[in-house]
């Protein structure tokens, strides 16, 4: 149980983002009937963000310290670099999905007379 304390402290630090993702999922459910495509995109993006928050907490709080203790420096360095690159790409995908959700399903605006 003591091994999990660092994971909890990291999760507490990311609580505002976690709450924002939960609110996004709830709002997508509320607006499901009005904007189905946007709601699906928002649910997928928020679920991906929640998964990444939990995975990052586990990696930073438990796996990497254990890897540093038991593994070599080069193996640890390669793993940390790979994880950073992978999580960054997945965060970018989630952000792109949120932007897509914000602008999908909108009608073209009529030109304004000048």
PDB file of N, CA and C in Angstrom:
ATOM      1  N   UNK A   1       0.818  -1.196   0.000  1.00  0.00           N
ATOM      2  CA  UNK A   1       0.000   0.000   0.000  1.00  0.00           C
ATOM      3  C   UNK A   1       0.858   1.255   0.000  1.00  0.00           C
ATOM      4  N   UNK A   2       2.012   1.206   0.655  1.00  0.00           N
ATOM      5  CA  UNK A   2       2.880   2.365   0.702  1.00  0.00           C
ATOM      6  C   UNK A   2       3.467   2.692  -0.663  1.00  0.00           C
ATOM      7  N   UNK A   3       3.552   1.691  -1.546  1.00  0.00           N
ATOM      8  CA  UNK A   3       4.053   1.933  -2.899  1.00  0.00           C
ATOM      9  C   UNK A   3       3.081   2.785  -3.713  1.00  0.00           C
ATOM     10  N   UNK A   4       1.813   2.820  -3.315  1.00  0.00           N
ATOM     11  CA  UNK A   4       0.806   3.556  -4.075  1.00  0.00           C
ATOM     12  C   UNK A   4       0.680   5.019  -3.666  1.00  0.00           C
ATOM     13  N   UNK A   5       1.318   5.425  -2.583  1.00  0.00           N
ATOM     14  CA  UNK A   5       1.215   6.806  -2.108  1.00  0.00           C
ATOM     15  C   UNK A   5       1.690   7.808  -3.154  1.00  0.00           C
ATOM     16  N   UNK A   6       2.812   7.574  -3.853  1.00  0.00           N
ATOM     17  CA  UNK A   6       3.191   8.539  -4.894  1.00  0.00           C
ATOM     18  C   UNK A   6       2.167   8.642  -6.027  1.00  0.00           C
ATOM     19  N   UNK A   7       1.503   7.554  -6.339  1.00  0.00           N
ATOM     20  CA  UNK A   7       0.483   7.584  -7.395  1.00  0.00           C
ATOM     21  C   UNK A   7      -0.673   8.479  -6.962  1.00  0.00           C
ATOM     22  N   UNK A   8      -1.109   8.342  -5.707  1.00  0.00           N
ATOM     23  CA  UNK A   8      -2.204   9.165  -5.206  1.00  0.00           C
ATOM     24  C   UNK A   8      -1.830  10.638  -5.187  1.00  0.00           C
ATOM     25  N   UNK A   9      -0.601  10.954  -4.799  1.00  0.00           N
ATOM     26  CA  UNK A   9      -0.208  12.365  -4.751  1.00  0.00           C
ATOM     27  C   UNK A   9      -0.169  12.971  -6.145  1.00  0.00           C
ATOM     28  N   UNK A  10       0.229  12.195  -7.153  1.00  0.00           N
ATOM     29  CA  UNK A  10       0.233  12.705  -8.523  1.00  0.00           C
ATOM     30  C   UNK A  10      -1.205  12.864  -9.022  1.00  0.00           C
ATOM     31  N   UNK A  11      -2.073  11.918  -8.677  1.00  0.00           N
ATOM     32  CA  UNK A  11      -3.477  12.025  -9.076  1.00  0.00           C
ATOM     33  C   UNK A  11      -4.153  13.238  -8.447  1.00  0.00           C
ATOM     34  N   UNK A  12      -3.791  13.561  -7.216  1.00  0.00           N
ATOM     35  CA  UNK A  12      -4.359  14.743  -6.567  1.00  0.00           C
ATOM     36  C   UNK A  12      -3.919  16.006  -7.304  1.00  0.00           C
ATOM     37  N   UNK A  13      -2.677  16.020  -7.778  1.00  0.00           N
ATOM     38  CA  UNK A  13      -2.183  17.169  -8.536  1.00  0.00           C
ATOM     39  C   UNK A  13      -2.882  17.346  -9.871  1.00  0.00           C
ATOM     40  N   UNK A  14      -3.369  16.274 -10.445  1.00  0.00           N
ATOM     41  CA  UNK A  14      -4.064  16.351 -11.734  1.00  0.00           C
ATOM     42  C   UNK A  14      -5.578  16.366 -11.583  1.00  0.00           C
ATOM     43  N   UNK A  15      -6.060  16.537 -10.366  1.00  0.00           N
ATOM     44  CA  UNK A  15      -7.500  16.509 -10.101  1.00  0.00           C
ATOM     45  C   UNK A  15      -8.293  17.547 -10.902  1.00  0.00           C
ATOM     46  N   UNK A  16      -7.803  18.782 -11.076  1.00  0.00           N
ATOM     47  CA  UNK A  16      -8.601  19.735 -11.873  1.00  0.00           C
ATOM     48  C   UNK A  16      -8.823  19.270 -13.314  1.00  0.00           C
ATOM     49  N   UNK A  17      -7.807  18.701 -13.941  1.00  0.00           N
ATOM     50  CA  UNK A  17      -7.965  18.202 -15.309  1.00  0.00           C
ATOM     51  C   UNK A  17      -8.905  17.003 -15.316  1.00  0.00           C
ATOM     52  N   UNK A  18      -8.777  16.145 -14.318  1.00  0.00           N
ATOM     53  CA  UNK A  18      -9.657  14.978 -14.207  1.00  0.00           C
ATOM     54  C   UNK A  18     -11.112  15.416 -14.070  1.00  0.00           C
ATOM     55  N   UNK A  19     -11.370  16.393 -13.218  1.00  0.00           N
ATOM     56  CA  UNK A  19     -12.734  16.904 -13.029  1.00  0.00           C
ATOM     57  C   UNK A  19     -13.233  17.540 -14.328  1.00  0.00           C
ATOM     58  N   UNK A  20     -12.360  18.272 -15.022  1.00  0.00           N
ATOM     59  CA  UNK A  20     -12.745  18.863 -16.305  1.00  0.00           C
ATOM     60  C   UNK A  20     -13.135  17.809 -17.321  1.00  0.00           C
ATOM     61  N   UNK A  21     -12.419  16.700 -17.342  1.00  0.00           N
ATOM     62  CA  UNK A  21     -12.761  15.609 -18.267  1.00  0.00           C
ATOM     63  C   UNK A  21     -14.091  14.970 -17.906  1.00  0.00           C
ATOM     64  N   UNK A  22     -14.334  14.788 -16.638  1.00  0.00           N
ATOM     65  CA  UNK A  22     -15.617  14.220 -16.206  1.00  0.00           C
ATOM     66  C   UNK A  22     -16.760  15.168 -16.569  1.00  0.00           C
ATOM     67  N   UNK A  23     -16.560  16.473 -16.373  1.00  0.00           N
ATOM     68  CA  UNK A  23     -17.578  17.456 -16.759  1.00  0.00           C
ATOM     69  C   UNK A  23     -17.797  17.415 -18.270  1.00  0.00           C
ATOM     70  N   UNK A  24     -16.719  17.256 -19.047  1.00  0.00           N
ATOM     71  CA  UNK A  24     -16.854  17.139 -20.495  1.00  0.00           C
ATOM     72  C   UNK A  24     -17.662  15.929 -20.905  1.00  0.00           C
ATOM     73  N   UNK A  25     -17.451  14.817 -20.245  1.00  0.00           N
ATOM     74  CA  UNK A  25     -18.225  13.602 -20.544  1.00  0.00           C
ATOM     75  C   UNK A  25     -19.697  13.802 -20.188  1.00  0.00           C
ATOM     76  N   UNK A  26     -19.964  14.423 -19.039  1.00  0.00           N
ATOM     77  CA  UNK A  26     -21.349  14.677 -18.630  1.00  0.00           C
ATOM     78  C   UNK A  26     -22.029  15.643 -19.602  1.00  0.00           C
ATOM     79  N   UNK A  27     -21.318  16.712 -19.989  1.00  0.00           N
ATOM     80  CA  UNK A  27     -21.895  17.681 -20.928  1.00  0.00           C
ATOM     81  C   UNK A  27     -22.164  17.037 -22.293  1.00  0.00           C
ATOM     82  N   UNK A  28     -21.274  16.144 -22.715  1.00  0.00           N
ATOM     83  CA  UNK A  28     -21.501  15.432 -23.972  1.00  0.00           C
ATOM     84  C   UNK A  28     -22.753  14.569 -23.876  1.00  0.00           C
ATOM     85  N   UNK A  29     -22.967  13.973 -22.716  1.00  0.00           N
ATOM     86  CA  UNK A  29     -24.190  13.189 -22.525  1.00  0.00           C
ATOM     87  C   UNK A  29     -25.435  14.058 -22.535  1.00  0.00           C
ATOM     88  N   UNK A  30     -25.333  15.258 -21.966  1.00  0.00           N
ATOM     89  CA  UNK A  30     -26.475  16.169 -21.937  1.00  0.00           C
ATOM     90  C   UNK A  30     -26.839  16.628 -23.348  1.00  0.00           C
ATOM     91  N   UNK A  31     -25.829  16.928 -24.156  1.00  0.00           N
ATOM     92  CA  UNK A  31     -26.069  17.440 -25.512  1.00  0.00           C
ATOM     93  C   UNK A  31     -26.059  16.354 -26.581  1.00  0.00           C
ATOM     94  N   UNK A  32     -26.163  15.097 -26.173  1.00  0.00           N
ATOM     95  CA  UNK A  32     -26.119  13.968 -27.108  1.00  0.00           C
ATOM     96  C   UNK A  32     -27.183  14.086 -28.200  1.00  0.00           C
ATOM     97  N   UNK A  33     -28.415  14.407 -27.836  1.00  0.00           N
ATOM     98  CA  UNK A  33     -29.493  14.455 -28.823  1.00  0.00           C
ATOM     99  C   UNK A  33     -29.364  15.647 -29.770  1.00  0.00           C
ATOM    100  N   UNK A  34     -28.745  16.712 -29.321  1.00  0.00           N
ATOM    101  CA  UNK A  34     -28.625  17.914 -30.132  1.00  0.00           C
ATOM    102  C   UNK A  34     -27.431  17.864 -31.088  1.00  0.00           C
ATOM    103  N   UNK A  35     -26.320  17.283 -30.641  1.00  0.00           N
ATOM    104  CA  UNK A  35     -25.094  17.247 -31.454  1.00  0.00           C
ATOM    105  C   UNK A  35     -24.386  15.920 -31.216  1.00  0.00           C
ATOM    106  N   UNK A  36     -24.860  14.885 -31.865  1.00  0.00           N
ATOM    107  CA  UNK A  36     -24.359  13.529 -31.619  1.00  0.00           C
ATOM    108  C   UNK A  36     -22.880  13.384 -31.980  1.00  0.00           C
ATOM    109  N   UNK A  37     -22.467  13.885 -33.147  1.00  0.00           N
ATOM    110  CA  UNK A  37     -21.075  13.736 -33.580  1.00  0.00           C
ATOM    111  C   UNK A  37     -20.123  14.450 -32.624  1.00  0.00           C
ATOM    112  N   UNK A  38     -20.466  15.661 -32.232  1.00  0.00           N
ATOM    113  CA  UNK A  38     -19.631  16.407 -31.287  1.00  0.00           C
ATOM    114  C   UNK A  38     -19.572  15.710 -29.935  1.00  0.00           C
ATOM    115  N   UNK A  39     -20.684  15.145 -29.512  1.00  0.00           N
ATOM    116  CA  UNK A  39     -20.722  14.452 -28.226  1.00  0.00           C
ATOM    117  C   UNK A  39     -19.830  13.218 -28.236  1.00  0.00           C
ATOM    118  N   UNK A  40     -19.879  12.458 -29.321  1.00  0.00           N
ATOM    119  CA  UNK A  40     -19.031  11.264 -29.420  1.00  0.00           C
ATOM    120  C   UNK A  40     -17.560  11.658 -29.408  1.00  0.00           C
ATOM    121  N   UNK A  41     -17.204  12.686 -30.187  1.00  0.00           N
ATOM    122  CA  UNK A  41     -15.814  13.140 -30.212  1.00  0.00           C
ATOM    123  C   UNK A  41     -15.353  13.608 -28.834  1.00  0.00           C
ATOM    124  N   UNK A  42     -16.224  14.315 -28.136  1.00  0.00           N
ATOM    125  CA  UNK A  42     -15.858  14.818 -26.802  1.00  0.00           C
ATOM    126  C   UNK A  42     -15.713  13.681 -25.803  1.00  0.00           C
ATOM    127  N   UNK A  43     -16.585  12.695 -25.868  1.00  0.00           N
ATOM    128  CA  UNK A  43     -16.478  11.552 -24.952  1.00  0.00           C
ATOM    129  C   UNK A  43     -15.190  10.787 -25.195  1.00  0.00           C
ATOM    130  N   UNK A  44     -14.857  10.549 -26.466  1.00  0.00           N
ATOM    131  CA  UNK A  44     -13.619   9.831 -26.778  1.00  0.00           C
ATOM    132  C   UNK A  44     -12.404  10.630 -26.307  1.00  0.00           C
ATOM    133  N   UNK A  45     -12.401  11.939 -26.561  1.00  0.00           N
ATOM    134  CA  UNK A  45     -11.268  12.780 -26.154  1.00  0.00           C
ATOM    135  C   UNK A  45     -11.117  12.822 -24.631  1.00  0.00           C
ATOM    136  N   UNK A  46     -12.216  12.992 -23.925  1.00  0.00           N
ATOM    137  CA  UNK A  46     -12.148  13.060 -22.459  1.00  0.00           C
ATOM    138  C   UNK A  46     -11.772  11.712 -21.853  1.00  0.00           C
ATOM    139  N   UNK A  47     -12.278  10.632 -22.417  1.00  0.00           N
ATOM    140  CA  UNK A  47     -11.904   9.304 -21.918  1.00  0.00           C
ATOM    141  C   UNK A  47     -10.416   9.046 -22.153  1.00  0.00           C
ATOM    142  N   UNK A  48      -9.904   9.475 -23.299  1.00  0.00           N
ATOM    143  CA  UNK A  48      -8.473   9.340 -23.566  1.00  0.00           C
ATOM    144  C   UNK A  48      -7.655  10.159 -22.584  1.00  0.00           C
ATOM    145  N   UNK A  49      -8.101  11.354 -22.271  1.00  0.00           N
ATOM    146  CA  UNK A  49      -7.397  12.190 -21.295  1.00  0.00           C
ATOM    147  C   UNK A  49      -7.395  11.541 -19.904  1.00  0.00           C
ATOM    148  N   UNK A  50      -8.521  10.988 -19.495  1.00  0.00           N
ATOM    149  CA  UNK A  50      -8.592  10.321 -18.183  1.00  0.00           C
ATOM    150  C   UNK A  50      -7.639   9.126 -18.160  1.00  0.00           C
ATOM    151  N   UNK A  51      -7.645   8.332 -19.228  1.00  0.00           N
ATOM    152  CA  UNK A  51      -6.721   7.202 -19.325  1.00  0.00           C
ATOM    153  C   UNK A  51      -5.270   7.681 -19.225  1.00  0.00           C
ATOM    154  N   UNK A  52      -4.932   8.754 -19.922  1.00  0.00           N
ATOM    155  CA  UNK A  52      -3.565   9.270 -19.889  1.00  0.00           C
ATOM    156  C   UNK A  52      -3.189   9.823 -18.508  1.00  0.00           C
ATOM    157  N   UNK A  53      -4.132  10.449 -17.833  1.00  0.00           N
ATOM    158  CA  UNK A  53      -3.852  10.946 -16.474  1.00  0.00           C
ATOM    159  C   UNK A  53      -3.524   9.797 -15.531  1.00  0.00           C
ATOM    160  N   UNK A  54      -4.306   8.743 -15.613  1.00  0.00           N
ATOM    161  CA  UNK A  54      -4.074   7.589 -14.740  1.00  0.00           C
ATOM    162  C   UNK A  54      -2.775   6.887 -15.121  1.00  0.00           C
ATOM    163  N   UNK A  55      -2.545   6.710 -16.426  1.00  0.00           N
ATOM    164  CA  UNK A  55      -1.309   6.049 -16.875  1.00  0.00           C
ATOM    165  C   UNK A  55      -0.080   6.867 -16.492  1.00  0.00           C
ATOM    166  N   UNK A  56      -0.158   8.184 -16.636  1.00  0.00           N
ATOM    167  CA  UNK A  56       0.978   9.038 -16.265  1.00  0.00           C
ATOM    168  C   UNK A  56       1.251   8.964 -14.769  1.00  0.00           C
ATOM    169  N   UNK A  57       0.207   8.907 -13.969  1.00  0.00           N
ATOM    170  CA  UNK A  57       0.386   8.796 -12.518  1.00  0.00           C
ATOM    171  C   UNK A  57       1.048   7.477 -12.151  1.00  0.00           C
ATOM    172  N   UNK A  58       0.633   6.410 -12.795  1.00  0.00           N
ATOM    173  CA  UNK A  58       1.234   5.096 -12.518  1.00  0.00           C
ATOM    174  C   UNK A  58       2.687   5.074 -12.965  1.00  0.00           C
ATOM    175  N   UNK A  59       2.949   5.615 -14.145  1.00  0.00           N
ATOM    176  CA  UNK A  59       4.324   5.629 -14.661  1.00  0.00           C
ATOM    177  C   UNK A  59       5.242   6.459 -13.774  1.00  0.00           C
ATOM    178  N   UNK A  60       4.810   7.670 -13.450  1.00  0.00           N
ATOM    179  CA  UNK A  60       5.663   8.565 -12.670  1.00  0.00           C
ATOM    180  C   UNK A  60       5.763   8.166 -11.209  1.00  0.00           C
ATOM    181  N   UNK A  61       4.688   7.637 -10.658  1.00  0.00           N
ATOM    182  CA  UNK A  61       4.666   7.341  -9.235  1.00  0.00           C
ATOM    183  C   UNK A  61       5.134   5.960  -8.842  1.00  0.00           C
ATOM    184  N   UNK A  62       5.070   5.011  -9.769  1.00  0.00           N
ATOM    185  CA  UNK A  62       5.433   3.644  -9.399  1.00  0.00           C
ATOM    186  C   UNK A  62       6.402   3.002 -10.378  1.00  0.00           C
ATOM    187  N   UNK A  63       6.079   2.969 -11.665  1.00  0.00           N
ATOM    188  CA  UNK A  63       6.868   2.172 -12.603  1.00  0.00           C
ATOM    189  C   UNK A  63       8.270   2.737 -12.821  1.00  0.00           C
ATOM    190  N   UNK A  64       8.393   4.019 -13.076  1.00  0.00           N
ATOM    191  CA  UNK A  64       9.715   4.601 -13.348  1.00  0.00           C
ATOM    192  C   UNK A  64      10.627   4.512 -12.127  1.00  0.00           C
ATOM    193  N   UNK A  65      10.146   4.812 -10.897  1.00  0.00           N
ATOM    194  CA  UNK A  65      11.040   4.610  -9.747  1.00  0.00           C
ATOM    195  C   UNK A  65      11.505   3.161  -9.601  1.00  0.00           C
ATOM    196  N   UNK A  66      10.619   2.201  -9.855  1.00  0.00           N
ATOM    197  CA  UNK A  66      11.032   0.803  -9.775  1.00  0.00           C
ATOM    198  C   UNK A  66      12.003   0.450 -10.891  1.00  0.00           C
ATOM    199  N   UNK A  67      11.778   0.989 -12.074  1.00  0.00           N
ATOM    200  CA  UNK A  67      12.678   0.743 -13.189  1.00  0.00           C
ATOM    201  C   UNK A  67      14.054   1.345 -12.917  1.00  0.00           C
ATOM    202  N   UNK A  68      14.092   2.518 -12.309  1.00  0.00           N
ATOM    203  CA  UNK A  68      15.377   3.153 -11.973  1.00  0.00           C
ATOM    204  C   UNK A  68      16.131   2.346 -10.931  1.00  0.00           C
ATOM    205  N   UNK A  69      15.389   1.735 -10.027  1.00  0.00           N
ATOM    206  CA  UNK A  69      16.024   0.951  -8.964  1.00  0.00           C
ATOM    207  C   UNK A  69      16.555  -0.379  -9.490  1.00  0.00           C
ATOM    208  N   UNK A  70      15.808  -1.014 -10.404  1.00  0.00           N
ATOM    209  CA  UNK A  70      16.171  -2.352 -10.864  1.00  0.00           C
ATOM    210  C   UNK A  70      16.856  -2.386 -12.220  1.00  0.00           C
ATOM    211  N   UNK A  71      16.652  -1.368 -13.061  1.00  0.00           N
ATOM    212  CA  UNK A  71      17.180  -1.397 -14.418  1.00  0.00           C
ATOM    213  C   UNK A  71      18.456  -0.584 -14.566  1.00  0.00           C
ATOM    214  N   UNK A  72      18.942  -0.573 -15.787  1.00  0.00           N
ATOM    215  CA  UNK A  72      20.123   0.223 -16.093  1.00  0.00           C
ATOM    216  C   UNK A  72      19.695   1.634 -16.459  1.00  0.00           C
ATOM    217  N   UNK A  73      20.655   2.539 -16.443  1.00  0.00           N
ATOM    218  CA  UNK A  73      20.363   3.930 -16.761  1.00  0.00           C
ATOM    219  C   UNK A  73      19.906   4.075 -18.210  1.00  0.00           C
ATOM    220  N   UNK A  74      20.558   3.392 -19.115  1.00  0.00           N
ATOM    221  CA  UNK A  74      20.203   3.538 -20.531  1.00  0.00           C
ATOM    222  C   UNK A  74      18.806   2.984 -20.814  1.00  0.00           C
ATOM    223  N   UNK A  75      18.457   1.861 -20.214  1.00  0.00           N
ATOM    224  CA  UNK A  75      17.115   1.307 -20.415  1.00  0.00           C
ATOM    225  C   UNK A  75      16.058   2.236 -19.831  1.00  0.00           C
ATOM    226  N   UNK A  76      16.346   2.800 -18.682  1.00  0.00           N
ATOM    227  CA  UNK A  76      15.418   3.738 -18.049  1.00  0.00           C
ATOM    228  C   UNK A  76      15.253   4.982 -18.905  1.00  0.00           C
ATOM    229  N   UNK A  77      16.358   5.487 -19.425  1.00  0.00           N
ATOM    230  CA  UNK A  77      16.322   6.689 -20.256  1.00  0.00           C
ATOM    231  C   UNK A  77      15.517   6.446 -21.536  1.00  0.00           C
ATOM    232  N   UNK A  78      15.714   5.310 -22.168  1.00  0.00           N
ATOM    233  CA  UNK A  78      14.973   4.975 -23.388  1.00  0.00           C
ATOM    234  C   UNK A  78      13.487   4.844 -23.083  1.00  0.00           C
ATOM    235  N   UNK A  79      13.135   4.208 -21.975  1.00  0.00           N
ATOM    236  CA  UNK A  79      11.732   4.048 -21.620  1.00  0.00           C
ATOM    237  C   UNK A  79      11.080   5.396 -21.328  1.00  0.00           C
ATOM    238  N   UNK A  80      11.754   6.241 -20.559  1.00  0.00           N
ATOM    239  CA  UNK A  80      11.188   7.553 -20.221  1.00  0.00           C
ATOM    240  C   UNK A  80      10.989   8.385 -21.479  1.00  0.00           C
ATOM    241  N   UNK A  81      11.951   8.351 -22.382  1.00  0.00           N
ATOM    242  CA  UNK A  81      11.826   9.094 -23.632  1.00  0.00           C
ATOM    243  C   UNK A  81      10.681   8.556 -24.476  1.00  0.00           C
ATOM    244  N   UNK A  82      10.561   7.249 -24.573  1.00  0.00           N
ATOM    245  CA  UNK A  82       9.464   6.639 -25.336  1.00  0.00           C
ATOM    246  C   UNK A  82       8.104   6.957 -24.741  1.00  0.00           C
ATOM    247  N   UNK A  83       8.019   6.890 -23.422  1.00  0.00           N
ATOM    248  CA  UNK A  83       6.751   7.195 -22.764  1.00  0.00           C
ATOM    249  C   UNK A  83       6.392   8.658 -22.957  1.00  0.00           C
ATOM    250  N   UNK A  84       7.364   9.558 -22.843  1.00  0.00           N
ATOM    251  CA  UNK A  84       7.096  10.984 -23.020  1.00  0.00           C
ATOM    252  C   UNK A  84       6.597  11.269 -24.437  1.00  0.00           C
ATOM    253  N   UNK A  85       7.221  10.658 -25.424  1.00  0.00           N
ATOM    254  CA  UNK A  85       6.807  10.865 -26.805  1.00  0.00           C
ATOM    255  C   UNK A  85       5.406  10.298 -27.045  1.00  0.00           C
ATOM    256  N   UNK A  86       5.165   9.089 -26.570  1.00  0.00           N
ATOM    257  CA  UNK A  86       3.859   8.451 -26.758  1.00  0.00           C
ATOM    258  C   UNK A  86       2.747   9.233 -26.067  1.00  0.00           C
ATOM    259  N   UNK A  87       2.960   9.619 -24.819  1.00  0.00           N
ATOM    260  CA  UNK A  87       1.908  10.345 -24.108  1.00  0.00           C
ATOM    261  C   UNK A  87       1.683  11.731 -24.707  1.00  0.00           C
ATOM    262  N   UNK A  88       2.734  12.360 -25.215  1.00  0.00           N
ATOM    263  CA  UNK A  88       2.572  13.660 -25.857  1.00  0.00           C
ATOM    264  C   UNK A  88       1.738  13.552 -27.130  1.00  0.00           C
ATOM    265  N   UNK A  89       1.989  12.533 -27.927  1.00  0.00           N
ATOM    266  CA  UNK A  89       1.203  12.328 -29.148  1.00  0.00           C
ATOM    267  C   UNK A  89      -0.254  12.035 -28.795  1.00  0.00           C
ATOM    268  N   UNK A  90      -0.496  11.219 -27.768  1.00  0.00           N
ATOM    269  CA  UNK A  90      -1.868  10.902 -27.378  1.00  0.00           C
ATOM    270  C   UNK A  90      -2.593  12.128 -26.805  1.00  0.00           C
ATOM    271  N   UNK A  91      -1.878  12.976 -26.061  1.00  0.00           N
ATOM    272  CA  UNK A  91      -2.481  14.230 -25.579  1.00  0.00           C
ATOM    273  C   UNK A  91      -2.841  15.137 -26.753  1.00  0.00           C
ATOM    274  N   UNK A  92      -1.969  15.189 -27.756  1.00  0.00           N
ATOM    275  CA  UNK A  92      -2.257  16.005 -28.937  1.00  0.00           C
ATOM    276  C   UNK A  92      -3.476  15.471 -29.687  1.00  0.00           C
ATOM    277  N   UNK A  93      -3.608  14.159 -29.770  1.00  0.00           N
ATOM    278  CA  UNK A  93      -4.782  13.563 -30.415  1.00  0.00           C
ATOM    279  C   UNK A  93      -6.051  13.924 -29.640  1.00  0.00           C
ATOM    280  N   UNK A  94      -5.992  13.836 -28.328  1.00  0.00           N
ATOM    281  CA  UNK A  94      -7.163  14.180 -27.513  1.00  0.00           C
ATOM    282  C   UNK A  94      -7.535  15.654 -27.686  1.00  0.00           C
ATOM    283  N   UNK A  95      -6.540  16.529 -27.722  1.00  0.00           N
ATOM    284  CA  UNK A  95      -6.813  17.952 -27.929  1.00  0.00           C
ATOM    285  C   UNK A  95      -7.405  18.186 -29.316  1.00  0.00           C
ATOM    286  N   UNK A  96      -6.865  17.506 -30.323  1.00  0.00           N
ATOM    287  CA  UNK A  96      -7.419  17.625 -31.669  1.00  0.00           C
ATOM    288  C   UNK A  96      -8.860  17.157 -31.746  1.00  0.00           C
ATOM    289  N   UNK A  97      -9.177  16.077 -31.038  1.00  0.00           N
ATOM    290  CA  UNK A  97     -10.566  15.600 -31.002  1.00  0.00           C
ATOM    291  C   UNK A  97     -11.487  16.619 -30.342  1.00  0.00           C
ATOM    292  N   UNK A  98     -11.002  17.281 -29.291  1.00  0.00           N
ATOM    293  CA  UNK A  98     -11.814  18.296 -28.626  1.00  0.00           C
ATOM    294  C   UNK A  98     -12.050  19.497 -29.544  1.00  0.00           C
ATOM    295  N   UNK A  99     -11.022  19.900 -30.273  1.00  0.00           N
ATOM    296  CA  UNK A  99     -11.190  21.007 -31.218  1.00  0.00           C
ATOM    297  C   UNK A  99     -12.150  20.604 -32.331  1.00  0.00           C
ATOM    298  N   UNK A 100     -12.012  19.390 -32.833  1.00  0.00           N
ATOM    299  CA  UNK A 100     -12.914  18.892 -33.872  1.00  0.00           C
ATOM    300  C   UNK A 100     -14.345  18.874 -33.348  1.00  0.00           C
ATOM    301  N   UNK A 101     -14.525  18.446 -32.102  1.00  0.00           N
ATOM    302  CA  UNK A 101     -15.862  18.410 -31.508  1.00  0.00           C
ATOM    303  C   UNK A 101     -16.456  19.807 -31.396  1.00  0.00           C
ATOM    304  N   UNK A 102     -15.619  20.784 -31.100  1.00  0.00           N
ATOM    305  CA  UNK A 102     -16.123  22.148 -30.935  1.00  0.00           C
ATOM    306  C   UNK A 102     -16.634  22.734 -32.249  1.00  0.00           C
ATOM    307  N   UNK A 103     -16.029  22.334 -33.364  1.00  0.00           N
ATOM    308  CA  UNK A 103     -16.388  22.956 -34.627  1.00  0.00           C
ATOM    309  C   UNK A 103     -17.138  22.047 -35.587  1.00  0.00           C
ATOM    310  N   UNK A 104     -17.402  20.823 -35.217  1.00  0.00           N
ATOM    311  CA  UNK A 104     -18.110  19.929 -36.138  1.00  0.00           C
ATOM    312  C   UNK A 104     -19.608  20.210 -36.097  1.00  0.00           C
ATOM    313  N   UNK A 105     -20.246  20.008 -37.237  1.00  0.00           N
ATOM    314  CA  UNK A 105     -21.692  20.163 -37.318  1.00  0.00           C
ATOM    315  C   UNK A 105     -22.171  21.591 -37.409  1.00  0.00           C
ATOM    316  N   UNK A 106     -21.289  22.526 -37.614  1.00  0.00           N
ATOM    317  CA  UNK A 106     -21.709  23.928 -37.728  1.00  0.00           C
ATOM    318  C   UNK A 106     -22.040  24.250 -39.176  1.00  0.00           C
ATOM    319  N   UNK A 107     -23.036  25.066 -39.350  1.00  0.00           N
ATOM    320  CA  UNK A 107     -23.451  25.478 -40.688  1.00  0.00           C
ATOM    321  C   UNK A 107     -22.587  26.651 -41.150  1.00  0.00           C
ATOM    322  N   UNK A 108     -22.476  26.770 -42.463  1.00  0.00           N
ATOM    323  CA  UNK A 108     -21.748  27.920 -43.010  1.00  0.00           C
ATOM    324  C   UNK A 108     -22.543  29.184 -42.733  1.00  0.00           C
ATOM    325  N   UNK A 109     -21.855  30.221 -42.333  1.00  0.00           N
ATOM    326  CA  UNK A 109     -22.515  31.484 -42.050  1.00  0.00           C
ATOM    327  C   UNK A 109     -22.837  32.198 -43.360  1.00  0.00           C
ATOM    328  N   UNK A 110     -23.954  32.868 -43.381  1.00  0.00           N
ATOM    329  CA  UNK A 110     -24.330  33.651 -44.559  1.00  0.00           C
ATOM    330  C   UNK A 110     -23.413  34.863 -44.645  1.00  0.00           C
ATOM    331  N   UNK A 111     -23.007  35.221 -45.856  1.00  0.00           N
ATOM    332  CA  UNK A 111     -22.129  36.383 -45.964  1.00  0.00           C
ATOM    333  C   UNK A 111     -22.867  37.658 -45.522  1.00  0.00           C
ATOM    334  N   UNK A 112     -22.130  38.517 -44.905  1.00  0.00           N
ATOM    335  CA  UNK A 112     -22.697  39.769 -44.411  1.00  0.00           C
ATOM    336  C   UNK A 112     -22.617  40.848 -45.498  1.00  0.00           C
ATOM    337  N   UNK A 113     -23.694  41.539 -45.709  1.00  0.00           N
ATOM    338  CA  UNK A 113     -23.628  42.615 -46.701  1.00  0.00           C
ATOM    339  C   UNK A 113     -22.772  43.764 -46.187  1.00  0.00           C
ATOM    340  N   UNK A 114     -22.026  44.353 -47.093  1.00  0.00           N
ATOM    341  CA  UNK A 114     -21.136  45.473 -46.693  1.00  0.00           C
ATOM    342  C   UNK A 114     -21.648  46.772 -47.195  1.00  0.00           C
TER     343      UNK A 114
END
